[in-house]
Each structure stands twice: as C-alpha cells, then as structure tokens.
Protein backbone atom coordinates (compact mmCIF):
# COMPACT_ATOMS: atom_id res chain seq x y z
CA MET A 1 -54.80 29.71 -25.77
CA GLY A 2 -52.87 33.04 -26.13
CA GLN A 3 -54.40 36.37 -26.26
CA THR A 4 -55.05 37.66 -29.53
CA GLU A 5 -53.86 41.37 -29.90
CA THR A 6 -55.43 43.93 -32.05
CA HIS A 7 -53.69 47.10 -32.99
CA ALA A 8 -55.27 50.34 -34.72
CA ASP A 9 -54.60 50.93 -38.64
CA THR A 10 -51.63 53.21 -39.13
CA LEU A 11 -50.86 55.00 -42.09
CA VAL A 12 -47.04 54.68 -42.99
CA ALA A 13 -44.98 55.83 -45.96
CA PRO A 14 -43.79 52.92 -48.12
CA PRO A 15 -40.22 51.47 -47.00
CA THR A 16 -37.46 53.04 -48.66
CA GLU A 17 -34.76 50.24 -47.80
CA PRO A 18 -35.17 46.49 -47.55
CA GLN A 19 -36.90 45.26 -44.28
CA PRO A 20 -35.34 42.70 -42.04
CA PRO A 21 -36.54 39.18 -42.49
CA THR A 22 -39.71 38.29 -40.65
CA LYS A 23 -39.66 35.64 -37.92
CA PRO A 24 -40.81 32.39 -38.65
CA PRO A 25 -44.37 31.51 -38.09
CA ASN A 26 -43.66 29.19 -35.16
CA HIS A 27 -41.91 31.80 -33.41
CA THR A 28 -43.69 33.10 -30.32
CA PRO A 29 -42.78 35.38 -27.37
CA ALA A 30 -41.79 33.46 -24.25
CA ASN A 31 -44.97 34.77 -22.29
CA HIS A 32 -47.34 33.99 -25.05
CA ALA A 33 -48.54 30.61 -26.39
CA PRO A 34 -48.86 29.79 -30.25
CA LEU A 35 -52.17 30.95 -31.54
CA ASP A 36 -52.30 27.90 -33.96
CA ASN A 37 -51.84 25.29 -31.18
CA PRO A 38 -54.91 24.45 -29.30
CA PRO A 39 -54.76 24.06 -25.64
CA SER A 40 -54.62 20.70 -24.10
CA GLY A 41 -57.61 18.79 -22.69
CA ASN A 42 -56.30 19.44 -19.22
CA ALA A 43 -55.75 23.22 -19.54
CA PRO A 44 -58.24 25.53 -18.33
CA PRO A 45 -60.84 27.43 -20.44
CA ASP A 46 -60.56 30.94 -21.63
CA ASP A 47 -62.99 31.98 -18.82
CA ALA A 48 -61.24 30.13 -15.82
CA PRO A 49 -60.02 32.95 -13.69
CA LEU A 50 -56.67 31.48 -12.95
CA ASP A 51 -54.98 35.01 -13.79
CA ASN A 52 -56.68 36.17 -10.15
CA ASP A 53 -53.76 34.56 -8.29
CA PRO A 54 -51.38 37.15 -6.44
CA PRO A 55 -47.93 37.42 -7.78
CA GLY A 56 -45.28 35.88 -5.67
CA GLY A 57 -44.09 32.20 -4.74
CA GLY A 58 -46.43 29.33 -4.01
CA THR A 59 -46.43 29.98 -0.02
CA ARG A 60 -48.35 33.25 -1.00
CA ARG A 61 -50.52 31.63 -3.47
CA LEU A 62 -51.40 28.84 -1.08
CA LEU A 63 -52.59 31.55 1.52
CA TRP A 64 -54.34 33.24 -1.17
CA HIS A 65 -56.32 30.05 -2.07
CA LEU A 66 -57.07 28.99 1.66
CA GLY A 67 -58.26 32.65 2.12
CA GLU A 68 -60.55 32.28 -0.69
CA MET A 69 -61.97 28.86 0.59
CA ALA A 70 -62.44 30.38 3.87
CA ILE A 71 -64.60 33.05 2.62
CA ALA A 72 -66.42 30.59 0.70
CA MET A 73 -67.07 28.62 3.79
CA ILE A 74 -68.42 31.64 5.62
CA ALA A 75 -70.72 32.62 2.62
CA GLY A 76 -71.86 29.07 2.85
CA MET A 77 -72.86 29.28 6.42
CA LEU A 78 -74.50 32.82 6.19
CA LEU A 79 -76.44 31.70 2.93
CA LEU A 80 -77.62 28.36 4.26
CA GLY A 81 -77.77 28.64 7.93
CA PRO A 82 -81.43 30.51 7.69
CA VAL A 83 -82.48 27.75 5.21
CA TRP A 84 -82.00 24.96 7.94
CA ASP A 85 -83.68 27.10 10.47
CA THR A 86 -86.67 27.68 8.28
CA ALA A 87 -86.86 24.09 7.22
CA GLY A 88 -86.55 23.26 10.79
CA ALA A 89 -89.40 24.99 11.81
CA LEU A 90 -91.73 24.06 9.10
CA LEU A 91 -90.95 20.32 9.52
CA GLY A 92 -90.80 20.19 13.20
CA ILE A 93 -87.43 19.15 13.59
CA ALA A 94 -85.93 22.11 15.12
CA GLY A 95 -85.12 20.50 18.30
CA ALA A 96 -83.21 17.51 16.47
CA LEU A 97 -81.28 20.09 14.50
CA GLY A 98 -80.36 21.83 17.71
CA ARG A 99 -78.38 18.95 19.28
CA SER A 100 -74.79 19.48 19.24
CA GLU A 101 -73.79 16.69 17.04
CA VAL A 102 -76.40 17.51 14.15
CA ALA A 103 -75.78 21.37 14.60
CA ALA A 104 -71.98 20.32 13.96
CA LEU A 105 -72.48 18.12 10.92
CA VAL A 106 -75.33 20.86 9.43
CA MET A 107 -72.36 23.50 10.03
CA ALA A 108 -69.83 21.51 8.27
CA THR A 109 -72.41 20.76 5.17
CA ASN A 110 -72.90 24.51 4.90
CA MET A 111 -69.16 25.14 4.78
CA THR A 112 -68.71 22.17 2.45
CA ILE A 113 -71.27 23.51 -0.17
CA GLY A 114 -69.86 26.84 -0.17
CA MET A 115 -66.20 25.91 -0.34
CA SER A 116 -67.11 23.21 -3.08
CA VAL A 117 -68.79 25.60 -5.46
CA TRP A 118 -66.07 27.92 -5.32
CA MET A 119 -63.36 25.42 -5.74
CA ARG A 120 -64.91 24.02 -8.90
CA TYR A 121 -65.41 27.53 -10.22
CA ARG A 122 -61.46 27.74 -9.64
CA ALA A 123 -61.08 24.89 -11.47
CA HIS A 124 -59.90 22.39 -8.99
CA GLY A 125 -60.76 18.62 -9.56
CA TRP A 126 -63.24 16.40 -7.84
CA ASP A 127 -60.59 14.57 -5.86
CA ALA A 128 -59.34 17.72 -4.24
CA VAL A 129 -63.10 18.78 -3.47
CA GLY A 130 -63.67 15.49 -1.99
CA GLU A 131 -60.75 15.67 0.24
CA MET A 132 -61.31 19.24 1.37
CA ALA A 133 -64.90 18.29 2.26
CA ALA A 134 -63.59 15.42 4.42
CA ALA A 135 -61.38 17.89 6.13
CA MET A 136 -64.86 19.80 7.14
CA TYR A 137 -66.40 16.54 8.54
CA VAL A 138 -63.58 14.66 9.93
CA PRO A 139 -62.39 16.94 12.62
CA PHE A 140 -65.90 16.93 14.11
CA LEU A 141 -66.43 13.14 13.69
CA LEU A 142 -63.30 12.69 15.81
CA LEU A 143 -64.50 14.61 18.68
CA PHE A 144 -68.03 13.12 19.19
CA ALA A 145 -66.56 10.19 20.92
CA PRO A 146 -64.58 12.11 23.65
CA MET A 147 -67.91 14.46 23.90
CA TRP A 148 -70.00 11.21 24.46
CA ALA A 149 -67.76 9.97 27.29
CA GLY A 150 -67.96 13.38 28.91
CA LEU A 151 -64.36 14.53 28.37
CA LEU A 152 -65.64 17.38 26.32
CA ASP A 153 -68.74 19.63 26.40
CA ALA A 154 -70.61 20.75 23.08
CA ASP A 155 -68.81 24.10 23.27
CA ALA A 156 -65.38 22.48 23.52
CA MET A 157 -66.42 19.84 20.74
CA LEU A 158 -67.46 22.82 18.34
CA LEU A 159 -64.21 24.78 19.02
CA GLY A 160 -61.86 21.87 18.78
CA GLY A 161 -63.60 20.73 15.41
CA HIS A 162 -62.94 24.25 13.71
CA LEU A 163 -59.12 24.22 14.95
CA LEU A 164 -58.57 20.93 13.62
CA MET A 165 -60.06 21.92 10.42
CA VAL A 166 -57.22 24.37 9.88
CA PRO A 167 -54.41 22.05 9.55
CA ALA A 168 -56.85 19.54 7.71
CA MET A 169 -57.34 21.95 5.18
CA VAL A 170 -53.57 23.13 4.94
CA LEU A 171 -52.65 19.34 4.51
CA VAL A 172 -55.33 19.07 1.64
CA ALA A 173 -54.25 22.20 0.00
CA LEU A 174 -50.57 21.35 0.21
CA ARG A 175 -51.22 17.95 -1.44
CA HIS A 176 -52.79 19.37 -4.46
CA ARG A 177 -50.81 22.49 -4.79
CA HIS A 178 -49.48 21.29 -7.98
CA ALA A 179 -52.62 19.71 -9.62
CA THR A 180 -53.42 20.65 -13.18
CA PRO A 181 -56.64 23.05 -13.39
CA VAL A 182 -59.56 20.87 -14.97
CA ALA A 183 -61.33 22.08 -17.84
CA VAL A 184 -64.52 23.99 -16.50
CA ARG A 185 -67.14 25.74 -18.83
CA ARG A 186 -68.96 28.54 -17.15
CA HIS A 187 -71.83 30.89 -18.24
CA PRO A 188 -70.94 34.47 -18.45
CA ALA A 189 -73.33 35.39 -15.99
CA VAL A 190 -71.76 33.10 -13.53
CA VAL A 191 -68.38 34.58 -14.22
CA ALA A 192 -69.69 37.95 -13.57
CA LEU A 193 -71.24 37.19 -10.23
CA ALA A 194 -68.24 35.21 -8.90
CA ARG A 195 -65.96 38.42 -9.96
CA ARG A 196 -68.27 40.34 -7.55
CA TRP A 197 -67.98 37.97 -4.75
CA PRO A 198 -67.00 40.74 -2.24
CA THR A 199 -70.20 42.48 -2.75
CA GLY A 200 -72.06 39.26 -2.66
CA LEU A 201 -70.38 38.29 0.70
CA ALA A 202 -71.39 41.79 2.16
CA LEU A 203 -75.02 41.50 1.29
CA LEU A 204 -74.90 37.96 3.02
CA MET A 205 -73.42 39.27 5.87
CA THR A 206 -76.18 41.98 6.26
CA VAL A 207 -79.31 39.99 5.43
CA ASP A 208 -80.49 40.12 9.31
CA MET A 209 -79.89 43.71 9.40
CA TRP A 210 -82.75 44.23 6.64
CA VAL A 211 -85.02 42.01 8.77
CA ASP A 212 -84.24 43.63 11.89
CA PRO A 213 -82.64 47.14 11.64
CA ALA A 214 -80.96 48.32 14.59
CA LEU A 215 -78.74 51.53 15.70
CA LEU A 216 -75.17 51.15 16.21
CA SER A 217 -73.06 52.54 18.94
CA PRO A 218 -71.26 55.49 18.05
CA TRP A 219 -67.79 53.94 19.00
CA THR A 220 -68.36 51.54 16.33
CA MET A 221 -67.19 54.13 13.72
CA LEU A 222 -63.74 53.81 15.19
CA VAL A 223 -63.41 50.73 13.37
CA LEU A 224 -63.87 52.39 9.97
CA PRO A 225 -60.30 54.04 9.91
CA GLY A 226 -58.61 51.54 12.17
CA ALA A 227 -59.09 48.95 9.60
CA TYR A 228 -57.46 50.71 6.79
CA LEU A 229 -54.64 51.63 9.17
CA LEU A 230 -54.04 48.33 10.33
CA ILE A 231 -54.20 46.68 6.77
CA GLY A 232 -51.85 49.48 5.42
CA VAL A 233 -48.99 48.70 7.86
CA ALA A 234 -49.43 44.99 7.21
CA ARG A 235 -49.32 45.59 3.58
CA ARG A 236 -46.76 48.54 3.95
CA THR A 237 -48.72 50.71 1.70
CA LEU A 238 -48.70 53.65 3.63
CA ARG A 239 -45.39 55.07 2.51
CA GLY A 240 -46.58 56.80 -0.51
CA PRO A 241 -46.76 60.70 -0.50
CA GLY A 242 -49.62 61.75 1.61
CA VAL A 243 -51.20 58.25 2.28
CA LEU A 244 -50.47 58.19 5.84
CA ALA A 245 -51.42 61.65 6.45
CA THR A 246 -54.87 61.05 4.47
CA GLN A 247 -55.38 57.99 6.70
CA LEU A 248 -54.77 59.69 9.87
CA LEU A 249 -56.84 62.59 8.59
CA GLY A 250 -59.70 60.19 8.26
CA LEU A 251 -58.92 58.79 11.87
CA ALA A 252 -59.29 62.18 13.21
CA GLY A 253 -62.62 62.91 11.27
CA TRP A 254 -64.46 59.48 12.63
CA VAL A 255 -63.25 59.77 16.21
CA GLY A 256 -64.21 63.53 16.21
CA LEU A 257 -67.82 62.49 14.79
CA ALA A 258 -68.13 59.75 17.42
CA LEU A 259 -67.29 62.00 20.10
CA VAL A 260 -70.19 64.53 18.72
CA ALA A 261 -72.48 61.64 18.47
CA VAL A 262 -71.86 60.59 22.11
CA ALA A 263 -72.46 64.02 23.51
CA ALA A 264 -75.41 64.72 21.36
CA GLY A 265 -77.33 61.14 22.21
CA GLY A 266 -80.66 60.13 21.43
CA ARG A 267 -82.00 60.26 17.65
CA THR A 268 -78.90 62.77 16.58
CA ALA A 269 -76.52 60.29 17.47
CA GLY A 270 -78.14 57.75 15.47
CA TRP A 271 -78.43 60.05 12.52
CA LEU A 272 -74.58 60.74 13.09
CA VAL A 273 -73.47 57.42 13.37
CA ALA A 274 -75.72 56.30 10.13
CA PHE A 275 -73.99 59.38 8.29
CA GLY A 276 -70.39 58.16 9.45
CA TRP A 277 -71.03 54.73 8.04
CA LEU A 278 -72.38 56.16 4.92
CA ALA A 279 -69.38 58.65 4.33
CA HIS A 280 -67.05 55.48 4.75
CA ALA A 281 -68.81 53.94 2.01
CA GLY A 282 -67.76 57.01 -0.12
CA TRP A 283 -64.12 56.65 1.23
CA ASP A 284 -64.11 52.99 0.21
CA LEU A 285 -65.20 53.95 -3.14
CA ALA A 286 -62.27 56.26 -3.51
CA HIS A 287 -59.83 53.52 -2.35
CA HIS A 288 -61.45 51.09 -4.69
CA ARG A 289 -60.65 53.53 -7.67
CA THR A 290 -57.24 54.27 -6.72
CA GLY A 291 -56.33 50.83 -5.60
CA ARG A 292 -54.22 52.21 -2.76
CA VAL A 293 -53.67 51.07 0.95
CA VAL A 294 -55.99 48.18 0.75
CA PRO A 295 -56.83 45.42 -1.76
CA ARG A 296 -59.63 46.55 -4.22
CA ALA A 297 -61.72 43.29 -3.01
CA PHE A 298 -61.49 44.73 0.45
CA SER A 299 -62.55 47.96 -0.61
CA GLU A 300 -65.40 46.87 -2.38
CA TRP A 301 -66.68 44.65 0.39
CA CYS A 302 -66.40 47.13 2.95
CA GLY A 303 -68.04 49.74 0.70
CA VAL A 304 -71.39 47.38 0.06
CA LEU A 305 -71.26 46.66 3.92
CA ASP A 306 -71.07 50.19 4.98
CA ALA A 307 -73.72 51.22 2.71
CA ALA A 308 -76.07 48.56 3.80
CA ILE A 309 -75.57 49.16 7.38
CA ALA A 310 -75.94 52.84 7.16
CA ALA A 311 -79.25 52.32 5.03
CA THR A 312 -80.68 50.07 7.81
CA MET A 313 -79.74 52.60 10.52
CA ILE A 314 -81.76 54.99 8.32
CA PHE A 315 -84.77 52.55 8.13
CA ALA A 316 -84.39 52.19 11.85
CA LEU A 317 -84.47 55.74 12.79
CA LEU A 318 -87.56 56.27 10.45
CA SER A 319 -89.34 53.56 12.01
CA ILE A 320 -88.77 54.96 15.37
CA GLY A 321 -90.58 58.37 14.17
CA GLY A 322 -90.92 61.17 16.46
C-alpha cells in the first residue's frame, strides 16, 4: 500500500492560461504503488518494519539480517537463562540442567525462542523459522556422539556447536533470502517496543548488575572512546570536518580521567569511574541526535548501557558507606 501524502492548503490566484492536461488516474510514479490497488495477500502489512533494511546490495542486507538474529539470540539467552536457573532450583533439577548435553540444548532453546520471535516480527515464514531453529540444535546434536565416545570434552562440544551454528545459519539465510514476506499483524505496543530493541538489549545485559552492583576498574573507561574510534574507522565516518578531532579529544579526556582515578584510588576512584560512564551516556545521546560516526542503534544501546552501569556503581558506592 502506498503512502498517502498530505499537503498544506495554499491560496493561489486563478490561472490566466490553459493548464496542461492532467495525468491519467492510473498513472503513478515509479516509487509509489497505486492507491486504489490493495496489496496482495502475501504482501506485508503497513506496520511491517521492512523499511529498516540497510541500503545496498543483497550481501549487506543478508549480513544485516544475520546480525539482527544474532542479537535476538543473545537477548533470548540473557532473558531466559535466569528463568531456567530459578526453575531448576525450585524443582530440584539443577543437577540435571547442569549436564553438558542438557545445558547445550537449553542454550539452543533460549537462542531459538529469541530468534523465532524476531524472525516472525520481521515477517519471515514459519518454514524459514523452523529451518533456522534446526540450525541451532543440529550442530550440538552432531557433537554429542563424539563427546560420548571420549573424543571431545564438554567445552569442546559447546565451542564446536557454536562454530558450526554460524555456517548453518548462513545456509538457511541464503536459502530464504528471496522469500516473500508473510502478512503479520502486530499490536502498536509491540511495534513500539521492537523499535526500541537496543534499549531492551542493554537493560537485559545489566540485569545482574542491578542485583549485585559492583565497582569497575578505572581502565574500563578506555573502552568508551575506543569503541567509537574503531567503528568510525570501519564505517569511514571520521572524515567530516572536526569529527576525528572530536573523537580524539574524547579519547584524551577519558584517558586523563582514568589516570586520575588510578592515582586517587579508593572511593574517589569509584566516583570518578561512575562519573566517566555517566558522561559517556551523554556522549552517546549527542551522537544519537546527530547520527554521526556510529549507527543510531549502537548509540542508543551504548547510552542505556552506560547509564545503567553508572547507576549501579553509584548504588554500590552508597551501599559501602563511609
């Protein structure tokens, strides 16, 4: 369905000469669909977020979608992992869940749930979802027999399963890269939450910090400006006027703050580190508003993560007292 454009009413003088003939009703620009032709049954609904695909060729779009699914898998593990731990303690099956084979299947289940929810939101068909779910389980299942035979230990099985999972995901994505999106109707609240996925991911990653707040080393502040510089070099977004100078100035500022914190030590160092992470949340907000250097999704995720880490450090400092 094309987008209906609205324009403000304007006052114009009556024409003094004949107007050119109007275009036929069925004429539409190449980039707009006819308004009187409803979409076919296989077309995505109006609220499908398919316009979030990055510009470029098929390879870039494929990598983008694989990255989305990887993030959804991580979110599934972060969200559902504590649920399994709590259920195991309450039901007395923590020992069974700790077995390497069961732990691998539980991990695959958590990743599959997160990935499946996101794939359905992105209007992928159930066949693609099912094949991608198989890509989560099959690598582990293939390595169970070598582990039982003593050829692999539990750690090698887990590592090998994750490594085999990558080409399996790529094969499924390539197989369905030209599939027509299915019609999926979503509640507006679901759409709004999905568009804020970087915030949700950051909050999931900091759940344990709220339960057990701790103080971070001053040297962790070096990660803050370093990430922007690395991403800027990779995306070639440091070439604008003053962009590189601003990033280097930020690097110098956080390096200086880290050195002062190391020299101060004790609670003073903790407060300086907390201030450094909180200041970087403001840095993220500024970059999110301008859209420069890093993608807005990254600056949103980083800003929420930095603010949560700073807040938990402040709680830790206040709980120490003195």
